[in-house]
């Protein structure tokens, strides 16, 4: 089950893309503050599109907003999303 959301280009949230995206998971800072915790929904991840490089390796392209991630790192926000662009 992939949650589809309509994202809008805003200066505070995301300056690089607009359009449909699928929510794949979340990023938060660890309690100690020395690491990022990445939580991926396995069902959503299984539904992600992939690409294959010239050496035959398959990858899942995911997106995290730099502005939102910086707010998580600075403590302004507790969490931000990991998404994949759709169509």
PDB file of N, CA and C in Angstrom:
ATOM      1  N   UNK A   1       0.843  -1.174   0.000  1.00  0.00           N
ATOM      2  CA  UNK A   1       0.000   0.000   0.000  1.00  0.00           C
ATOM      3  C   UNK A   1       0.888   1.236   0.000  1.00  0.00           C
ATOM      4  N   UNK A   2       0.872   1.984  -1.067  1.00  0.00           N
ATOM      5  CA  UNK A   2       1.687   3.179  -1.198  1.00  0.00           C
ATOM      6  C   UNK A   2       0.790   4.394  -1.051  1.00  0.00           C
ATOM      7  N   UNK A   3       1.144   5.268  -0.109  1.00  0.00           N
ATOM      8  CA  UNK A   3       0.381   6.494   0.076  1.00  0.00           C
ATOM      9  C   UNK A   3       0.873   7.516  -0.927  1.00  0.00           C
ATOM     10  N   UNK A   4      -0.005   7.972  -1.795  1.00  0.00           N
ATOM     11  CA  UNK A   4       0.374   8.978  -2.785  1.00  0.00           C
ATOM     12  C   UNK A   4      -0.003  10.346  -2.254  1.00  0.00           C
ATOM     13  N   UNK A   5       0.919  11.269  -2.405  1.00  0.00           N
ATOM     14  CA  UNK A   5       0.667  12.629  -1.960  1.00  0.00           C
ATOM     15  C   UNK A   5       0.994  13.588  -3.087  1.00  0.00           C
ATOM     16  N   UNK A   6       0.290  14.668  -3.136  1.00  0.00           N
ATOM     17  CA  UNK A   6       0.569  15.725  -4.104  1.00  0.00           C
ATOM     18  C   UNK A   6       1.473  16.734  -3.413  1.00  0.00           C
ATOM     19  N   UNK A   7       2.664  16.928  -3.945  1.00  0.00           N
ATOM     20  CA  UNK A   7       3.573  17.894  -3.346  1.00  0.00           C
ATOM     21  C   UNK A   7       3.560  19.170  -4.161  1.00  0.00           C
ATOM     22  N   UNK A   8       3.747  20.274  -3.478  1.00  0.00           N
ATOM     23  CA  UNK A   8       3.782  21.571  -4.140  1.00  0.00           C
ATOM     24  C   UNK A   8       5.138  22.195  -3.901  1.00  0.00           C
ATOM     25  N   UNK A   9       5.624  22.907  -4.863  1.00  0.00           N
ATOM     26  CA  UNK A   9       6.926  23.557  -4.744  1.00  0.00           C
ATOM     27  C   UNK A   9       6.798  24.739  -3.789  1.00  0.00           C
ATOM     28  N   UNK A  10       7.497  24.643  -2.668  1.00  0.00           N
ATOM     29  CA  UNK A  10       7.506  25.730  -1.703  1.00  0.00           C
ATOM     30  C   UNK A  10       8.941  26.022  -1.311  1.00  0.00           C
ATOM     31  N   UNK A  11       9.198  27.239  -0.960  1.00  0.00           N
ATOM     32  CA  UNK A  11      10.552  27.635  -0.608  1.00  0.00           C
ATOM     33  C   UNK A  11      11.011  26.966   0.681  1.00  0.00           C
ATOM     34  N   UNK A  12      10.101  26.751   1.627  1.00  0.00           N
ATOM     35  CA  UNK A  12      10.506  26.207   2.915  1.00  0.00           C
ATOM     36  C   UNK A  12      10.623  24.693   2.898  1.00  0.00           C
ATOM     37  N   UNK A  13       9.927  24.009   2.045  1.00  0.00           N
ATOM     38  CA  UNK A  13       9.877  22.561   2.097  1.00  0.00           C
ATOM     39  C   UNK A  13      10.753  21.888   1.049  1.00  0.00           C
ATOM     40  N   UNK A  14      10.565  22.216  -0.219  1.00  0.00           N
ATOM     41  CA  UNK A  14      11.292  21.494  -1.252  1.00  0.00           C
ATOM     42  C   UNK A  14      11.413  22.352  -2.491  1.00  0.00           C
ATOM     43  N   UNK A  15      12.608  22.647  -2.885  1.00  0.00           N
ATOM     44  CA  UNK A  15      12.823  23.531  -4.018  1.00  0.00           C
ATOM     45  C   UNK A  15      13.135  22.786  -5.303  1.00  0.00           C
ATOM     46  N   UNK A  16      13.220  21.457  -5.279  1.00  0.00           N
ATOM     47  CA  UNK A  16      13.707  20.751  -6.440  1.00  0.00           C
ATOM     48  C   UNK A  16      12.661  20.014  -7.248  1.00  0.00           C
ATOM     49  N   UNK A  17      11.509  19.663  -6.684  1.00  0.00           N
ATOM     50  CA  UNK A  17      10.565  18.892  -7.468  1.00  0.00           C
ATOM     51  C   UNK A  17       9.130  19.195  -7.087  1.00  0.00           C
ATOM     52  N   UNK A  18       8.254  18.969  -8.041  1.00  0.00           N
ATOM     53  CA  UNK A  18       6.829  19.057  -7.800  1.00  0.00           C
ATOM     54  C   UNK A  18       6.190  17.839  -8.442  1.00  0.00           C
ATOM     55  N   UNK A  19       4.970  17.540  -8.074  1.00  0.00           N
ATOM     56  CA  UNK A  19       4.276  16.422  -8.700  1.00  0.00           C
ATOM     57  C   UNK A  19       3.872  15.372  -7.695  1.00  0.00           C
ATOM     58  N   UNK A  20       3.560  14.201  -8.208  1.00  0.00           N
ATOM     59  CA  UNK A  20       3.117  13.104  -7.355  1.00  0.00           C
ATOM     60  C   UNK A  20       4.305  12.376  -6.762  1.00  0.00           C
ATOM     61  N   UNK A  21       4.180  12.004  -5.507  1.00  0.00           N
ATOM     62  CA  UNK A  21       5.214  11.210  -4.863  1.00  0.00           C
ATOM     63  C   UNK A  21       4.550  10.172  -3.975  1.00  0.00           C
ATOM     64  N   UNK A  22       5.275   9.100  -3.724  1.00  0.00           N
ATOM     65  CA  UNK A  22       4.791   8.039  -2.839  1.00  0.00           C
ATOM     66  C   UNK A  22       5.587   8.100  -1.542  1.00  0.00           C
ATOM     67  N   UNK A  23       4.898   8.059  -0.425  1.00  0.00           N
ATOM     68  CA  UNK A  23       5.546   8.038   0.883  1.00  0.00           C
ATOM     69  C   UNK A  23       6.159   6.661   1.101  1.00  0.00           C
ATOM     70  N   UNK A  24       7.452   6.615   1.344  1.00  0.00           N
ATOM     71  CA  UNK A  24       8.165   5.355   1.518  1.00  0.00           C
ATOM     72  C   UNK A  24       8.594   5.152   2.971  1.00  0.00           C
ATOM     73  N   UNK A  25       8.867   6.241   3.680  1.00  0.00           N
ATOM     74  CA  UNK A  25       9.302   6.114   5.059  1.00  0.00           C
ATOM     75  C   UNK A  25       9.604   7.462   5.674  1.00  0.00           C
ATOM     76  N   UNK A  26      10.366   7.419   6.772  1.00  0.00           N
ATOM     77  CA  UNK A  26      10.667   8.614   7.545  1.00  0.00           C
ATOM     78  C   UNK A  26      12.132   8.651   7.952  1.00  0.00           C
ATOM     79  N   UNK A  27      12.632   9.864   8.178  1.00  0.00           N
ATOM     80  CA  UNK A  27      13.979  10.074   8.708  1.00  0.00           C
ATOM     81  C   UNK A  27      13.839  10.896   9.986  1.00  0.00           C
ATOM     82  N   UNK A  28      14.548  10.474  11.024  1.00  0.00           N
ATOM     83  CA  UNK A  28      14.585  11.232  12.276  1.00  0.00           C
ATOM     84  C   UNK A  28      15.986  11.140  12.864  1.00  0.00           C
ATOM     85  N   UNK A  29      16.288  12.031  13.773  1.00  0.00           N
ATOM     86  CA  UNK A  29      17.561  12.002  14.476  1.00  0.00           C
ATOM     87  C   UNK A  29      17.481  10.999  15.612  1.00  0.00           C
ATOM     88  N   UNK A  30      18.574  10.320  15.888  1.00  0.00           N
ATOM     89  CA  UNK A  30      18.605   9.393  17.019  1.00  0.00           C
ATOM     90  C   UNK A  30      18.476  10.172  18.319  1.00  0.00           C
ATOM     91  N   UNK A  31      18.086   9.487  19.373  1.00  0.00           N
ATOM     92  CA  UNK A  31      17.943  10.147  20.677  1.00  0.00           C
ATOM     93  C   UNK A  31      19.250  10.771  21.133  1.00  0.00           C
ATOM     94  N   UNK A  32      20.366  10.121  20.845  1.00  0.00           N
ATOM     95  CA  UNK A  32      21.668  10.662  21.229  1.00  0.00           C
ATOM     96  C   UNK A  32      22.098  11.795  20.302  1.00  0.00           C
ATOM     97  N   UNK A  33      21.481  11.892  19.131  1.00  0.00           N
ATOM     98  CA  UNK A  33      21.781  12.981  18.216  1.00  0.00           C
ATOM     99  C   UNK A  33      22.965  12.752  17.296  1.00  0.00           C
ATOM    100  N   UNK A  34      23.609  11.602  17.393  1.00  0.00           N
ATOM    101  CA  UNK A  34      24.795  11.354  16.589  1.00  0.00           C
ATOM    102  C   UNK A  34      24.559  10.588  15.309  1.00  0.00           C
ATOM    103  N   UNK A  35      23.286  10.282  15.018  1.00  0.00           N
ATOM    104  CA  UNK A  35      22.986   9.495  13.817  1.00  0.00           C
ATOM    105  C   UNK A  35      21.594   9.833  13.313  1.00  0.00           C
ATOM    106  N   UNK A  36      21.342   9.471  12.067  1.00  0.00           N
ATOM    107  CA  UNK A  36      20.003   9.567  11.500  1.00  0.00           C
ATOM    108  C   UNK A  36      19.380   8.180  11.510  1.00  0.00           C
ATOM    109  N   UNK A  37      18.104   8.113  11.853  1.00  0.00           N
ATOM    110  CA  UNK A  37      17.376   6.851  11.833  1.00  0.00           C
ATOM    111  C   UNK A  37      16.444   6.864  10.631  1.00  0.00           C
ATOM    112  N   UNK A  38      16.607   5.907   9.760  1.00  0.00           N
ATOM    113  CA  UNK A  38      15.822   5.800   8.550  1.00  0.00           C
ATOM    114  C   UNK A  38      14.863   4.634   8.709  1.00  0.00           C
ATOM    115  N   UNK A  39      13.560   4.898   8.642  1.00  0.00           N
ATOM    116  CA  UNK A  39      12.534   3.866   8.754  1.00  0.00           C
ATOM    117  C   UNK A  39      11.792   3.761   7.428  1.00  0.00           C
ATOM    118  N   UNK A  40      11.901   2.599   6.793  1.00  0.00           N
ATOM    119  CA  UNK A  40      11.294   2.372   5.488  1.00  0.00           C
ATOM    120  C   UNK A  40      10.153   1.371   5.641  1.00  0.00           C
ATOM    121  N   UNK A  41       8.999   1.706   5.075  1.00  0.00           N
ATOM    122  CA  UNK A  41       7.859   0.795   5.068  1.00  0.00           C
ATOM    123  C   UNK A  41       8.136  -0.288   4.021  1.00  0.00           C
ATOM    124  N   UNK A  42       8.194  -1.541   4.448  1.00  0.00           N
ATOM    125  CA  UNK A  42       8.577  -2.623   3.537  1.00  0.00           C
ATOM    126  C   UNK A  42       7.584  -2.819   2.410  1.00  0.00           C
ATOM    127  N   UNK A  43       6.312  -2.634   2.683  1.00  0.00           N
ATOM    128  CA  UNK A  43       5.295  -2.774   1.641  1.00  0.00           C
ATOM    129  C   UNK A  43       5.441  -1.680   0.588  1.00  0.00           C
ATOM    130  N   UNK A  44       5.643  -0.442   1.032  1.00  0.00           N
ATOM    131  CA  UNK A  44       5.824   0.678   0.104  1.00  0.00           C
ATOM    132  C   UNK A  44       7.118   0.513  -0.681  1.00  0.00           C
ATOM    133  N   UNK A  45       8.185   0.043  -0.029  1.00  0.00           N
ATOM    134  CA  UNK A  45       9.465  -0.142  -0.697  1.00  0.00           C
ATOM    135  C   UNK A  45       9.361  -1.202  -1.799  1.00  0.00           C
ATOM    136  N   UNK A  46       8.605  -2.250  -1.530  1.00  0.00           N
ATOM    137  CA  UNK A  46       8.429  -3.318  -2.522  1.00  0.00           C
ATOM    138  C   UNK A  46       7.725  -2.801  -3.771  1.00  0.00           C
ATOM    139  N   UNK A  47       6.906  -1.766  -3.624  1.00  0.00           N
ATOM    140  CA  UNK A  47       6.169  -1.201  -4.757  1.00  0.00           C
ATOM    141  C   UNK A  47       6.963  -0.130  -5.515  1.00  0.00           C
ATOM    142  N   UNK A  48       8.158   0.206  -5.050  1.00  0.00           N
ATOM    143  CA  UNK A  48       8.953   1.266  -5.679  1.00  0.00           C
ATOM    144  C   UNK A  48       9.471   0.843  -7.053  1.00  0.00           C
ATOM    145  N   UNK A  49       9.597   1.835  -7.919  1.00  0.00           N
ATOM    146  CA  UNK A  49      10.250   1.585  -9.200  1.00  0.00           C
ATOM    147  C   UNK A  49      11.754   1.597  -8.987  1.00  0.00           C
ATOM    148  N   UNK A  50      12.471   0.934  -9.882  1.00  0.00           N
ATOM    149  CA  UNK A  50      13.919   0.826  -9.776  1.00  0.00           C
ATOM    150  C   UNK A  50      14.568   1.217 -11.101  1.00  0.00           C
ATOM    151  N   UNK A  51      15.870   1.358 -11.076  1.00  0.00           N
ATOM    152  CA  UNK A  51      16.639   1.503 -12.304  1.00  0.00           C
ATOM    153  C   UNK A  51      17.868   0.619 -12.182  1.00  0.00           C
ATOM    154  N   UNK A  52      18.437   0.244 -13.326  1.00  0.00           N
ATOM    155  CA  UNK A  52      19.598  -0.638 -13.359  1.00  0.00           C
ATOM    156  C   UNK A  52      20.764   0.113 -13.987  1.00  0.00           C
ATOM    157  N   UNK A  53      21.922   0.034 -13.340  1.00  0.00           N
ATOM    158  CA  UNK A  53      23.120   0.692 -13.859  1.00  0.00           C
ATOM    159  C   UNK A  53      23.803  -0.209 -14.894  1.00  0.00           C
ATOM    160  N   UNK A  54      24.790   0.335 -15.566  1.00  0.00           N
ATOM    161  CA  UNK A  54      25.474  -0.403 -16.634  1.00  0.00           C
ATOM    162  C   UNK A  54      26.173  -1.667 -16.126  1.00  0.00           C
ATOM    163  N   UNK A  55      26.485  -1.713 -14.829  1.00  0.00           N
ATOM    164  CA  UNK A  55      27.113  -2.922 -14.284  1.00  0.00           C
ATOM    165  C   UNK A  55      26.093  -3.943 -13.779  1.00  0.00           C
ATOM    166  N   UNK A  56      24.802  -3.688 -14.042  1.00  0.00           N
ATOM    167  CA  UNK A  56      23.756  -4.650 -13.702  1.00  0.00           C
ATOM    168  C   UNK A  56      23.176  -4.522 -12.307  1.00  0.00           C
ATOM    169  N   UNK A  57      23.617  -3.534 -11.528  1.00  0.00           N
ATOM    170  CA  UNK A  57      23.093  -3.340 -10.176  1.00  0.00           C
ATOM    171  C   UNK A  57      21.773  -2.580 -10.226  1.00  0.00           C
ATOM    172  N   UNK A  58      20.793  -2.996  -9.422  1.00  0.00           N
ATOM    173  CA  UNK A  58      19.485  -2.330  -9.368  1.00  0.00           C
ATOM    174  C   UNK A  58      19.427  -1.415  -8.155  1.00  0.00           C
ATOM    175  N   UNK A  59      18.848  -0.233  -8.344  1.00  0.00           N
ATOM    176  CA  UNK A  59      18.723   0.765  -7.284  1.00  0.00           C
ATOM    177  C   UNK A  59      17.300   1.295  -7.226  1.00  0.00           C
ATOM    178  N   UNK A  60      16.910   1.765  -6.041  1.00  0.00           N
ATOM    179  CA  UNK A  60      15.616   2.405  -5.824  1.00  0.00           C
ATOM    180  C   UNK A  60      15.887   3.891  -5.600  1.00  0.00           C
ATOM    181  N   UNK A  61      15.453   4.768  -6.512  1.00  0.00           N
ATOM    182  CA  UNK A  61      15.690   6.204  -6.320  1.00  0.00           C
ATOM    183  C   UNK A  61      14.701   6.798  -5.319  1.00  0.00           C
ATOM    184  N   UNK A  62      15.224   7.354  -4.235  1.00  0.00           N
ATOM    185  CA  UNK A  62      14.398   7.958  -3.192  1.00  0.00           C
ATOM    186  C   UNK A  62      14.802   9.409  -3.006  1.00  0.00           C
ATOM    187  N   UNK A  63      13.884  10.189  -2.430  1.00  0.00           N
ATOM    188  CA  UNK A  63      14.111  11.619  -2.253  1.00  0.00           C
ATOM    189  C   UNK A  63      13.850  12.019  -0.806  1.00  0.00           C
ATOM    190  N   UNK A  64      14.762  12.849  -0.275  1.00  0.00           N
ATOM    191  CA  UNK A  64      14.586  13.497   1.021  1.00  0.00           C
ATOM    192  C   UNK A  64      14.860  14.974   0.798  1.00  0.00           C
ATOM    193  N   UNK A  65      13.948  15.827   1.202  1.00  0.00           N
ATOM    194  CA  UNK A  65      14.136  17.269   1.066  1.00  0.00           C
ATOM    195  C   UNK A  65      15.299  17.730   1.930  1.00  0.00           C
ATOM    196  N   UNK A  66      16.241  18.429   1.321  1.00  0.00           N
ATOM    197  CA  UNK A  66      17.381  18.950   2.087  1.00  0.00           C
ATOM    198  C   UNK A  66      16.940  19.972   3.131  1.00  0.00           C
ATOM    199  N   UNK A  67      16.003  20.834   2.765  1.00  0.00           N
ATOM    200  CA  UNK A  67      15.528  21.832   3.736  1.00  0.00           C
ATOM    201  C   UNK A  67      14.895  21.156   4.941  1.00  0.00           C
ATOM    202  N   UNK A  68      14.046  20.170   4.699  1.00  0.00           N
ATOM    203  CA  UNK A  68      13.391  19.469   5.799  1.00  0.00           C
ATOM    204  C   UNK A  68      14.407  18.668   6.614  1.00  0.00           C
ATOM    205  N   UNK A  69      15.377  18.039   5.946  1.00  0.00           N
ATOM    206  CA  UNK A  69      16.399  17.272   6.659  1.00  0.00           C
ATOM    207  C   UNK A  69      17.257  18.186   7.533  1.00  0.00           C
ATOM    208  N   UNK A  70      17.600  19.356   7.036  1.00  0.00           N
ATOM    209  CA  UNK A  70      18.352  20.309   7.855  1.00  0.00           C
ATOM    210  C   UNK A  70      17.569  20.712   9.094  1.00  0.00           C
ATOM    211  N   UNK A  71      16.243  20.833   8.967  1.00  0.00           N
ATOM    212  CA  UNK A  71      15.416  21.167  10.138  1.00  0.00           C
ATOM    213  C   UNK A  71      15.401  20.024  11.143  1.00  0.00           C
ATOM    214  N   UNK A  72      15.430  18.787  10.671  1.00  0.00           N
ATOM    215  CA  UNK A  72      15.523  17.640  11.572  1.00  0.00           C
ATOM    216  C   UNK A  72      16.874  17.663  12.286  1.00  0.00           C
ATOM    217  N   UNK A  73      17.933  17.919  11.537  1.00  0.00           N
ATOM    218  CA  UNK A  73      19.271  17.945  12.125  1.00  0.00           C
ATOM    219  C   UNK A  73      19.438  19.059  13.156  1.00  0.00           C
ATOM    220  N   UNK A  74      18.778  20.195  12.906  1.00  0.00           N
ATOM    221  CA  UNK A  74      18.888  21.326  13.831  1.00  0.00           C
ATOM    222  C   UNK A  74      17.928  21.223  15.015  1.00  0.00           C
ATOM    223  N   UNK A  75      17.009  20.274  14.958  1.00  0.00           N
ATOM    224  CA  UNK A  75      16.047  20.110  16.044  1.00  0.00           C
ATOM    225  C   UNK A  75      14.754  20.878  15.855  1.00  0.00           C
ATOM    226  N   UNK A  76      14.614  21.614  14.746  1.00  0.00           N
ATOM    227  CA  UNK A  76      13.370  22.343  14.467  1.00  0.00           C
ATOM    228  C   UNK A  76      12.202  21.406  14.195  1.00  0.00           C
ATOM    229  N   UNK A  77      12.505  20.262  13.589  1.00  0.00           N
ATOM    230  CA  UNK A  77      11.493  19.251  13.277  1.00  0.00           C
ATOM    231  C   UNK A  77      11.946  17.923  13.853  1.00  0.00           C
ATOM    232  N   UNK A  78      10.979  17.090  14.204  1.00  0.00           N
ATOM    233  CA  UNK A  78      11.316  15.768  14.742  1.00  0.00           C
ATOM    234  C   UNK A  78      11.553  14.755  13.629  1.00  0.00           C
ATOM    235  N   UNK A  79      10.873  14.916  12.512  1.00  0.00           N
ATOM    236  CA  UNK A  79      10.891  13.895  11.474  1.00  0.00           C
ATOM    237  C   UNK A  79      10.627  14.523  10.110  1.00  0.00           C
ATOM    238  N   UNK A  80      11.091  13.878   9.047  1.00  0.00           N
ATOM    239  CA  UNK A  80      10.722  14.257   7.689  1.00  0.00           C
ATOM    240  C   UNK A  80      10.529  12.980   6.876  1.00  0.00           C
ATOM    241  N   UNK A  81      10.052  13.122   5.662  1.00  0.00           N
ATOM    242  CA  UNK A  81       9.668  11.965   4.871  1.00  0.00           C
ATOM    243  C   UNK A  81      10.733  11.530   3.876  1.00  0.00           C
ATOM    244  N   UNK A  82      10.680  10.264   3.525  1.00  0.00           N
ATOM    245  CA  UNK A  82      11.438   9.684   2.426  1.00  0.00           C
ATOM    246  C   UNK A  82      10.389   9.319   1.383  1.00  0.00           C
ATOM    247  N   UNK A  83      10.570   9.781   0.155  1.00  0.00           N
ATOM    248  CA  UNK A  83       9.568   9.585  -0.884  1.00  0.00           C
ATOM    249  C   UNK A  83      10.205   9.096  -2.171  1.00  0.00           C
ATOM    250  N   UNK A  84       9.335   8.648  -3.088  1.00  0.00           N
ATOM    251  CA  UNK A  84       9.764   8.357  -4.442  1.00  0.00           C
ATOM    252  C   UNK A  84       8.828   9.090  -5.398  1.00  0.00           C
ATOM    253  N   UNK A  85       9.411   9.741  -6.396  1.00  0.00           N
ATOM    254  CA  UNK A  85       8.617  10.437  -7.388  1.00  0.00           C
ATOM    255  C   UNK A  85       7.848   9.413  -8.224  1.00  0.00           C
ATOM    256  N   UNK A  86       6.622   9.723  -8.543  1.00  0.00           N
ATOM    257  CA  UNK A  86       5.769   8.834  -9.323  1.00  0.00           C
ATOM    258  C   UNK A  86       5.450   9.488 -10.660  1.00  0.00           C
ATOM    259  N   UNK A  87       5.618   8.715 -11.728  1.00  0.00           N
ATOM    260  CA  UNK A  87       5.237   9.111 -13.069  1.00  0.00           C
ATOM    261  C   UNK A  87       5.692  10.423 -13.486  1.00  0.00           C
TER     262      UNK A  87
END
